[in-house]
């Protein structure tokens, strides 16, 4: 009977030891994962900030290109009118000299 009591005590001690070890490992894993999570969150914040700045820069470029396009379209229309006027003058000059 004493041998069985000693076995039971040994098993209880082993169980307690294993539980303590598991608690320690669980705590270590939790700490490591929290550190990694914080690092990932910081990386995400940095990348989002960079992406936001890049989006703003691209939006400014798009606005500039739209403005340039509008100016170029106006210049094209003016040149087309000028060509048309010159063609009319050339046509009128041909009639005068004929």
C-alpha atoms as a PDB file:
ATOM      1  CA  UNK A   1       0.000   0.000   0.000  1.00  0.00           C
ATOM      2  CA  UNK A   2       2.855   2.359   0.821  1.00  0.00           C
ATOM      3  CA  UNK A   3       4.388   1.685  -2.572  1.00  0.00           C
ATOM      4  CA  UNK A   4       1.141   2.702  -4.279  1.00  0.00           C
ATOM      5  CA  UNK A   5       0.932   5.839  -2.151  1.00  0.00           C
ATOM      6  CA  UNK A   6       4.485   6.714  -3.124  1.00  0.00           C
ATOM      7  CA  UNK A   7       3.675   6.059  -6.803  1.00  0.00           C
ATOM      8  CA  UNK A   8       0.623   8.316  -6.535  1.00  0.00           C
ATOM      9  CA  UNK A   9       2.722  11.039  -4.895  1.00  0.00           C
ATOM     10  CA  UNK A  10       5.389  10.684  -7.570  1.00  0.00           C
ATOM     11  CA  UNK A  11       2.750  10.933 -10.296  1.00  0.00           C
ATOM     12  CA  UNK A  12       1.243  14.025  -8.641  1.00  0.00           C
ATOM     13  CA  UNK A  13       4.666  15.632  -8.429  1.00  0.00           C
ATOM     14  CA  UNK A  14       5.335  14.776 -12.057  1.00  0.00           C
ATOM     15  CA  UNK A  15       1.971  16.182 -13.046  1.00  0.00           C
ATOM     16  CA  UNK A  16       2.671  19.422 -11.142  1.00  0.00           C
ATOM     17  CA  UNK A  17       6.107  19.667 -12.711  1.00  0.00           C
ATOM     18  CA  UNK A  18       4.691  19.176 -16.205  1.00  0.00           C
ATOM     19  CA  UNK A  19       1.956  21.739 -15.560  1.00  0.00           C
ATOM     20  CA  UNK A  20       4.512  24.282 -14.392  1.00  0.00           C
ATOM     21  CA  UNK A  21       6.663  23.605 -17.431  1.00  0.00           C
ATOM     22  CA  UNK A  22       3.636  23.971 -19.734  1.00  0.00           C
ATOM     23  CA  UNK A  23       2.627  27.238 -18.055  1.00  0.00           C
ATOM     24  CA  UNK A  24       6.139  28.548 -18.526  1.00  0.00           C
ATOM     25  CA  UNK A  25       6.246  27.541 -22.181  1.00  0.00           C
ATOM     26  CA  UNK A  26       2.773  28.957 -22.769  1.00  0.00           C
ATOM     27  CA  UNK A  27       3.857  32.247 -21.237  1.00  0.00           C
ATOM     28  CA  UNK A  28       7.005  32.302 -23.394  1.00  0.00           C
ATOM     29  CA  UNK A  29       5.029  31.604 -26.557  1.00  0.00           C
ATOM     30  CA  UNK A  30       2.447  34.247 -25.645  1.00  0.00           C
ATOM     31  CA  UNK A  31       5.172  36.825 -25.021  1.00  0.00           C
ATOM     32  CA  UNK A  32       6.911  35.988 -28.281  1.00  0.00           C
ATOM     33  CA  UNK A  33       3.678  36.153 -30.258  1.00  0.00           C
ATOM     34  CA  UNK A  34       2.740  39.507 -28.715  1.00  0.00           C
ATOM     35  CA  UNK A  35       6.146  40.901 -29.641  1.00  0.00           C
ATOM     36  CA  UNK A  36       5.766  39.638 -33.194  1.00  0.00           C
ATOM     37  CA  UNK A  37       2.244  41.037 -33.390  1.00  0.00           C
ATOM     38  CA  UNK A  38       3.445  44.453 -32.242  1.00  0.00           C
ATOM     39  CA  UNK A  39       6.236  44.369 -34.810  1.00  0.00           C
ATOM     40  CA  UNK A  40       3.808  43.436 -37.589  1.00  0.00           C
ATOM     41  CA  UNK A  41       1.409  46.204 -36.523  1.00  0.00           C
ATOM     42  CA  UNK A  42       4.226  48.756 -36.633  1.00  0.00           C
ATOM     43  CA  UNK A  43       5.274  47.512 -40.076  1.00  0.00           C
ATOM     44  CA  UNK A  44       1.682  47.771 -41.288  1.00  0.00           C
ATOM     45  CA  UNK A  45       1.357  51.314 -39.939  1.00  0.00           C
ATOM     46  CA  UNK A  46       4.588  52.310 -41.650  1.00  0.00           C
ATOM     47  CA  UNK A  47       3.531  50.719 -44.940  1.00  0.00           C
ATOM     48  CA  UNK A  48       0.069  52.315 -44.772  1.00  0.00           C
ATOM     49  CA  UNK A  49       1.649  55.697 -44.144  1.00  0.00           C
ATOM     50  CA  UNK A  50       4.018  55.214 -47.069  1.00  0.00           C
ATOM     51  CA  UNK A  51       1.161  54.068 -49.311  1.00  0.00           C
ATOM     52  CA  UNK A  52      -0.947  57.061 -48.313  1.00  0.00           C
ATOM     53  CA  UNK A  53       1.905  59.425 -49.214  1.00  0.00           C
ATOM     54  CA  UNK A  54       2.416  57.620 -52.517  1.00  0.00           C
ATOM     55  CA  UNK A  55      -1.309  57.836 -53.313  1.00  0.00           C
ATOM     56  CA  UNK A  56      -1.257  61.562 -52.595  1.00  0.00           C
ATOM     57  CA  UNK A  57       1.770  62.051 -54.828  1.00  0.00           C
ATOM     58  CA  UNK A  58       0.137  60.111 -57.655  1.00  0.00           C
ATOM     59  CA  UNK A  59      -3.092  62.073 -57.255  1.00  0.00           C
ATOM     60  CA  UNK A  60      -1.137  65.320 -57.608  1.00  0.00           C
ATOM     61  CA  UNK A  61       0.531  64.013 -60.753  1.00  0.00           C
ATOM     62  CA  UNK A  62      -2.844  63.018 -62.179  1.00  0.00           C
ATOM     63  CA  UNK A  63      -4.189  66.512 -61.478  1.00  0.00           C
ATOM     64  CA  UNK A  64      -1.155  68.092 -63.147  1.00  0.00           C
ATOM     65  CA  UNK A  65      -1.534  65.833 -66.181  1.00  0.00           C
ATOM     66  CA  UNK A  66      -5.228  66.703 -66.478  1.00  0.00           C
ATOM     67  CA  UNK A  67      -4.358  70.399 -66.371  1.00  0.00           C
ATOM     68  CA  UNK A  68      -1.646  69.923 -69.001  1.00  0.00           C
ATOM     69  CA  UNK A  69      -4.072  67.958 -71.163  1.00  0.00           C
ATOM     70  CA  UNK A  70      -6.642  70.751 -70.967  1.00  0.00           C
ATOM     71  CA  UNK A  71      -4.009  73.352 -71.902  1.00  0.00           C
ATOM     72  CA  UNK A  72      -2.782  71.202 -74.797  1.00  0.00           C
ATOM     73  CA  UNK A  73      -6.338  70.688 -76.045  1.00  0.00           C
ATOM     74  CA  UNK A  74      -6.867  74.461 -76.020  1.00  0.00           C
ATOM     75  CA  UNK A  75      -3.624  74.973 -77.922  1.00  0.00           C
ATOM     76  CA  UNK A  76      -4.605  72.274 -80.412  1.00  0.00           C
ATOM     77  CA  UNK A  77      -7.953  73.945 -81.047  1.00  0.00           C
ATOM     78  CA  UNK A  78      -6.216  77.310 -81.518  1.00  0.00           C
ATOM     79  CA  UNK A  79      -3.738  75.740 -83.970  1.00  0.00           C
ATOM     80  CA  UNK A  80      -6.547  74.044 -85.873  1.00  0.00           C
ATOM     81  CA  UNK A  81      -8.329  77.385 -86.199  1.00  0.00           C
ATOM     82  CA  UNK A  82      -5.111  79.014 -87.355  1.00  0.00           C
ATOM     83  CA  UNK A  83      -4.577  76.273 -89.954  1.00  0.00           C
ATOM     84  CA  UNK A  84      -8.143  76.697 -91.096  1.00  0.00           C
ATOM     85  CA  UNK A  85      -7.695  80.471 -91.370  1.00  0.00           C
ATOM     86  CA  UNK A  86      -4.428  80.015 -93.286  1.00  0.00           C
ATOM     87  CA  UNK A  87      -6.076  77.535 -95.636  1.00  0.00           C
ATOM     88  CA  UNK A  88      -8.839  80.058 -96.255  1.00  0.00           C
ATOM     89  CA  UNK A  89      -6.282  82.782 -96.953  1.00  0.00           C
ATOM     90  CA  UNK A  90      -4.326  80.514 -99.280  1.00  0.00           C
ATOM     91  CA  UNK A  91      -7.590  79.684-101.031  1.00  0.00           C
ATOM     92  CA  UNK A  92      -8.462  83.386-101.348  1.00  0.00           C
ATOM     93  CA  UNK A  93      -4.973  84.240-102.618  1.00  0.00           C
ATOM     94  CA  UNK A  94      -5.295  81.550-105.298  1.00  0.00           C
ATOM     95  CA  UNK A  95      -8.530  83.135-106.487  1.00  0.00           C
ATOM     96  CA  UNK A  96      -6.972  86.667-106.603  1.00  0.00           C
ATOM     97  CA  UNK A  97      -3.952  85.525-108.637  1.00  0.00           C
ATOM     98  CA  UNK A  98      -5.869  83.323-111.011  1.00  0.00           C
END
